[in-house]
N, C-alpha and C. Protein backbone atom coordinates (compact mmCIF):
# COMPACT_ATOMS: atom_id res chain seq x y z
N UNK A 1 80.82 129.65 90.88
CA UNK A 1 81.06 129.31 91.43
C UNK A 1 81.09 127.62 90.42
N UNK A 2 80.19 127.49 89.34
CA UNK A 2 80.56 126.97 88.34
C UNK A 2 82.07 126.84 87.60
N UNK A 3 81.79 128.41 86.78
CA UNK A 3 83.05 128.34 86.54
C UNK A 3 84.28 128.02 87.48
N UNK A 4 84.35 128.26 88.63
CA UNK A 4 85.56 127.60 89.35
C UNK A 4 85.98 126.60 88.98
N UNK A 5 84.75 125.54 89.23
CA UNK A 5 84.81 124.51 89.26
C UNK A 5 85.43 123.57 88.31
N UNK A 6 84.46 124.56 87.36
CA UNK A 6 84.80 124.04 85.19
C UNK A 6 86.26 123.80 85.42
N UNK A 7 87.47 125.32 86.25
CA UNK A 7 88.77 125.61 86.20
C UNK A 7 89.04 124.45 87.05
N UNK A 8 88.50 124.13 88.25
CA UNK A 8 89.61 123.14 89.28
C UNK A 8 89.10 121.85 88.47
N UNK A 9 88.46 121.69 87.60
CA UNK A 9 88.29 119.93 86.70
C UNK A 9 88.94 120.53 85.82
N UNK A 10 89.16 121.17 85.10
CA UNK A 10 90.54 121.31 84.07
C UNK A 10 91.57 120.52 84.33
N UNK A 11 91.79 121.50 85.64
CA UNK A 11 93.08 121.58 85.66
C UNK A 11 93.43 120.64 86.26
N UNK A 12 91.92 119.89 87.12
CA UNK A 12 92.90 117.86 87.85
C UNK A 12 93.40 116.98 86.96
N UNK A 13 91.88 117.56 85.78
CA UNK A 13 92.25 116.44 84.44
C UNK A 13 93.61 116.66 83.98
N UNK A 14 94.02 118.27 83.33
CA UNK A 14 95.32 117.54 83.21
C UNK A 14 96.38 117.09 83.79
N UNK A 15 96.27 117.82 85.27
CA UNK A 15 97.64 117.27 86.36
C UNK A 15 97.19 115.62 86.19
N UNK A 16 95.91 114.57 86.35
CA UNK A 16 95.52 113.22 85.81
C UNK A 16 96.19 112.80 84.62
N UNK A 17 96.46 113.60 83.21
CA UNK A 17 96.57 113.27 82.26
C UNK A 17 97.97 113.24 82.46
N UNK A 18 99.11 113.35 83.11
CA UNK A 18 100.40 114.27 82.69
C UNK A 18 101.02 113.02 84.44
N UNK A 19 99.67 112.35 84.59
CA UNK A 19 100.37 111.31 85.81
C UNK A 19 100.73 112.27 87.50
N UNK A 20 100.44 113.18 87.29
CA UNK A 20 100.35 114.31 88.29
C UNK A 20 99.45 114.08 89.77
N UNK A 21 99.03 112.58 89.59
CA UNK A 21 97.71 112.20 90.63
C UNK A 21 98.45 113.04 92.32
N UNK A 22 98.79 113.40 92.78
CA UNK A 22 98.37 114.02 93.50
C UNK A 22 98.39 115.60 93.41
N UNK A 23 98.81 115.75 92.28
CA UNK A 23 98.38 117.62 91.89
C UNK A 23 96.69 117.31 91.81
N UNK A 24 96.69 116.17 90.98
CA UNK A 24 95.49 116.17 90.53
C UNK A 24 93.76 115.77 91.32
N UNK A 25 94.37 115.39 92.62
CA UNK A 25 93.34 115.10 93.86
C UNK A 25 93.58 116.43 94.29
N UNK A 26 94.45 117.34 94.65
CA UNK A 26 93.76 118.07 94.90
C UNK A 26 92.99 119.53 94.68
N UNK A 27 93.23 119.62 93.32
CA UNK A 27 91.85 120.18 92.22
C UNK A 27 90.52 119.38 92.57
N UNK A 28 90.70 117.86 92.60
CA UNK A 28 89.13 117.48 92.60
C UNK A 28 88.82 117.24 93.58
N UNK A 29 89.34 117.41 95.10
CA UNK A 29 89.54 117.56 96.14
C UNK A 29 88.59 119.01 96.83
N UNK A 30 89.10 119.94 95.81
CA UNK A 30 88.39 121.07 96.55
C UNK A 30 87.58 121.19 95.76
N UNK A 31 87.28 120.79 94.58
CA UNK A 31 85.28 120.68 94.39
C UNK A 31 84.37 119.79 95.06
N UNK A 32 85.14 118.78 95.80
CA UNK A 32 84.40 118.29 96.13
C UNK A 32 84.15 117.93 97.51
N UNK A 33 85.00 118.71 98.38
CA UNK A 33 84.54 119.64 99.47
C UNK A 33 83.89 120.85 99.99
N UNK A 34 84.46 121.86 98.98
CA UNK A 34 83.58 122.85 98.60
C UNK A 34 82.03 123.16 98.18
N UNK A 35 82.19 121.78 96.71
CA UNK A 35 81.06 122.31 96.43
C UNK A 35 80.28 120.22 96.20
N UNK A 36 80.09 120.17 97.25
CA UNK A 36 79.32 118.55 97.21
C UNK A 36 78.10 117.92 95.98
N UNK A 37 77.31 119.37 95.90
CA UNK A 37 76.24 119.24 95.51
C UNK A 37 76.08 119.92 93.79
N UNK A 38 77.66 120.08 93.69
CA UNK A 38 77.67 120.46 92.39
C UNK A 38 77.42 119.74 91.04
N UNK A 39 77.59 119.51 89.83
CA UNK A 39 77.05 118.28 88.84
C UNK A 39 78.88 118.06 88.63
N UNK A 40 80.10 118.98 89.23
CA UNK A 40 81.11 118.33 88.89
C UNK A 40 81.64 117.62 90.14
N UNK A 41 80.60 116.95 91.33
CA UNK A 41 81.58 116.33 92.52
C UNK A 41 81.56 115.18 91.85
N UNK A 42 80.20 114.42 91.57
CA UNK A 42 80.75 112.90 90.94
C UNK A 42 81.72 112.83 90.14
N UNK A 43 81.91 113.61 89.17
CA UNK A 43 83.66 113.26 87.98
C UNK A 43 84.78 113.76 89.27
N UNK A 44 84.83 114.27 90.11
CA UNK A 44 86.21 114.93 90.86
C UNK A 44 86.03 113.34 91.50
N UNK A 45 85.12 112.88 92.43
CA UNK A 45 84.94 111.68 93.01
C UNK A 45 85.70 110.81 92.65
N UNK A 46 85.23 110.56 91.34
CA UNK A 46 85.97 109.22 90.45
C UNK A 46 87.21 109.70 89.94
N UNK A 47 87.87 110.13 90.04
CA UNK A 47 88.93 111.05 89.51
C UNK A 47 89.80 110.44 90.28
N UNK A 48 89.39 110.83 91.76
CA UNK A 48 89.76 110.92 93.40
C UNK A 48 90.46 109.51 93.90
N UNK A 49 89.07 108.48 93.07
CA UNK A 49 89.48 107.32 93.18
C UNK A 49 90.69 106.67 92.21
N UNK A 50 90.27 106.77 90.79
CA UNK A 50 91.19 106.56 89.67
C UNK A 50 92.61 106.51 90.27
N UNK A 51 92.90 107.99 90.80
CA UNK A 51 94.45 108.96 91.44
C UNK A 51 94.92 107.90 92.41
N UNK A 52 93.92 107.41 93.38
CA UNK A 52 93.89 106.43 94.55
C UNK A 52 94.59 105.26 93.97
N UNK A 53 93.93 104.96 93.11
CA UNK A 53 94.28 103.45 92.73
C UNK A 53 95.74 103.71 91.49
N UNK A 54 95.99 105.15 90.99
CA UNK A 54 97.23 105.01 90.45
C UNK A 54 98.54 105.38 91.12
N UNK A 55 97.92 105.34 92.01
CA UNK A 55 98.88 105.29 93.43
C UNK A 55 99.34 104.69 94.07
N UNK A 56 98.42 103.08 94.23
CA UNK A 56 99.11 101.86 94.51
C UNK A 56 97.99 102.04 95.94
N UNK A 57 97.11 103.46 96.23
CA UNK A 57 96.30 103.23 97.55
C UNK A 57 94.79 102.50 97.52
N UNK A 58 95.13 101.57 97.26
CA UNK A 58 93.85 100.38 96.76
C UNK A 58 93.20 100.81 97.80
N UNK A 59 93.02 100.47 99.32
CA UNK A 59 92.12 100.51 100.07
C UNK A 59 91.56 101.83 99.33
N UNK A 60 92.33 102.99 100.04
CA UNK A 60 91.33 104.34 99.80
C UNK A 60 90.63 104.14 98.19
N UNK A 61 91.12 104.30 97.22
CA UNK A 61 90.36 103.81 96.34
C UNK A 61 88.89 102.91 96.04
N UNK A 62 88.75 101.80 96.91
CA UNK A 62 87.92 101.08 96.79
C UNK A 62 86.46 102.10 97.86
N UNK A 63 86.94 102.53 98.91
CA UNK A 63 86.46 103.43 99.67
C UNK A 63 85.95 104.47 98.79
N UNK A 64 86.92 105.30 97.91
CA UNK A 64 86.26 106.66 97.37
C UNK A 64 85.82 105.99 96.12
N UNK A 65 85.58 104.24 95.21
CA UNK A 65 84.48 104.33 94.38
C UNK A 65 83.44 104.00 95.32
N UNK A 66 83.58 103.20 96.02
CA UNK A 66 82.07 103.23 97.17
C UNK A 66 81.71 104.25 97.22
N UNK A 67 82.05 105.30 98.20
CA UNK A 67 82.04 106.61 97.69
C UNK A 67 80.85 107.41 97.18
N UNK A 68 81.29 107.06 95.63
CA UNK A 68 80.14 107.52 94.62
C UNK A 68 79.15 106.68 94.61
N UNK A 69 79.67 105.67 94.28
CA UNK A 69 77.91 105.03 93.93
C UNK A 69 77.08 104.69 95.85
N UNK A 70 77.42 105.38 96.42
CA UNK A 70 76.50 105.86 97.61
C UNK A 70 76.05 107.35 97.85
N UNK A 71 76.67 107.87 97.17
CA UNK A 71 76.01 109.48 96.91
C UNK A 71 75.80 109.97 95.44
N UNK A 72 76.17 108.75 94.58
CA UNK A 72 75.72 109.53 92.92
C UNK A 72 75.01 108.40 92.58
N UNK A 73 74.28 107.38 92.99
CA UNK A 73 74.19 106.27 92.72
C UNK A 73 73.61 105.97 91.11
N UNK A 74 72.81 107.12 90.73
CA UNK A 74 71.84 107.39 89.31
C UNK A 74 73.25 107.91 88.50
N UNK A 75 74.29 108.53 88.75
CA UNK A 75 75.23 108.94 87.90
C UNK A 75 75.71 108.30 86.92
N UNK A 76 76.10 108.51 85.89
CA UNK A 76 77.54 107.65 84.94
C UNK A 76 78.30 107.16 85.98
N UNK A 77 78.96 108.35 86.73
CA UNK A 77 80.48 108.03 87.71
C UNK A 77 80.19 106.53 88.49
N UNK A 78 79.01 106.83 89.56
CA UNK A 78 78.59 105.57 90.24
C UNK A 78 78.54 104.12 89.07
N UNK A 79 78.56 103.47 88.09
CA UNK A 79 78.07 102.82 87.26
C UNK A 79 79.98 102.50 86.67
N UNK A 80 80.78 103.31 86.19
CA UNK A 80 81.76 103.09 86.69
C UNK A 80 82.54 103.01 87.65
N UNK A 81 82.17 102.86 88.77
CA UNK A 81 82.83 102.80 89.51
C UNK A 81 82.52 101.53 89.99
N UNK A 82 81.28 100.71 89.92
CA UNK A 82 80.96 99.70 90.29
C UNK A 82 82.26 98.64 89.31
N UNK A 83 82.69 98.68 88.09
CA UNK A 83 83.09 98.19 87.20
C UNK A 83 84.94 98.12 87.86
N UNK A 84 84.36 99.85 88.08
CA UNK A 84 86.57 99.85 88.24
C UNK A 84 86.85 98.97 89.45
N UNK A 85 85.38 98.74 90.40
CA UNK A 85 86.24 97.86 92.14
C UNK A 85 86.29 96.57 91.65
N UNK A 86 85.83 96.06 90.61
CA UNK A 86 85.92 94.44 89.91
C UNK A 86 87.81 94.20 89.80
């Protein structure tokens, strides 16, 4: 599972960097839905939020940032989410 999550994360990240936000969300969503307690889950969730933001889905982005803060309050992604919500 850890190797699969790494591959999904890397594929998601590549798509995100290339501006293919819907594809990126597909990979990141696989991590978050199948392995929600994985160390990759908060990373996946923050990139889902950022992808929503980049595609103009502000309400979904805000809700996802809030989910990062609620589910992973001590993570560096929660700190990022708080900054990005402002």
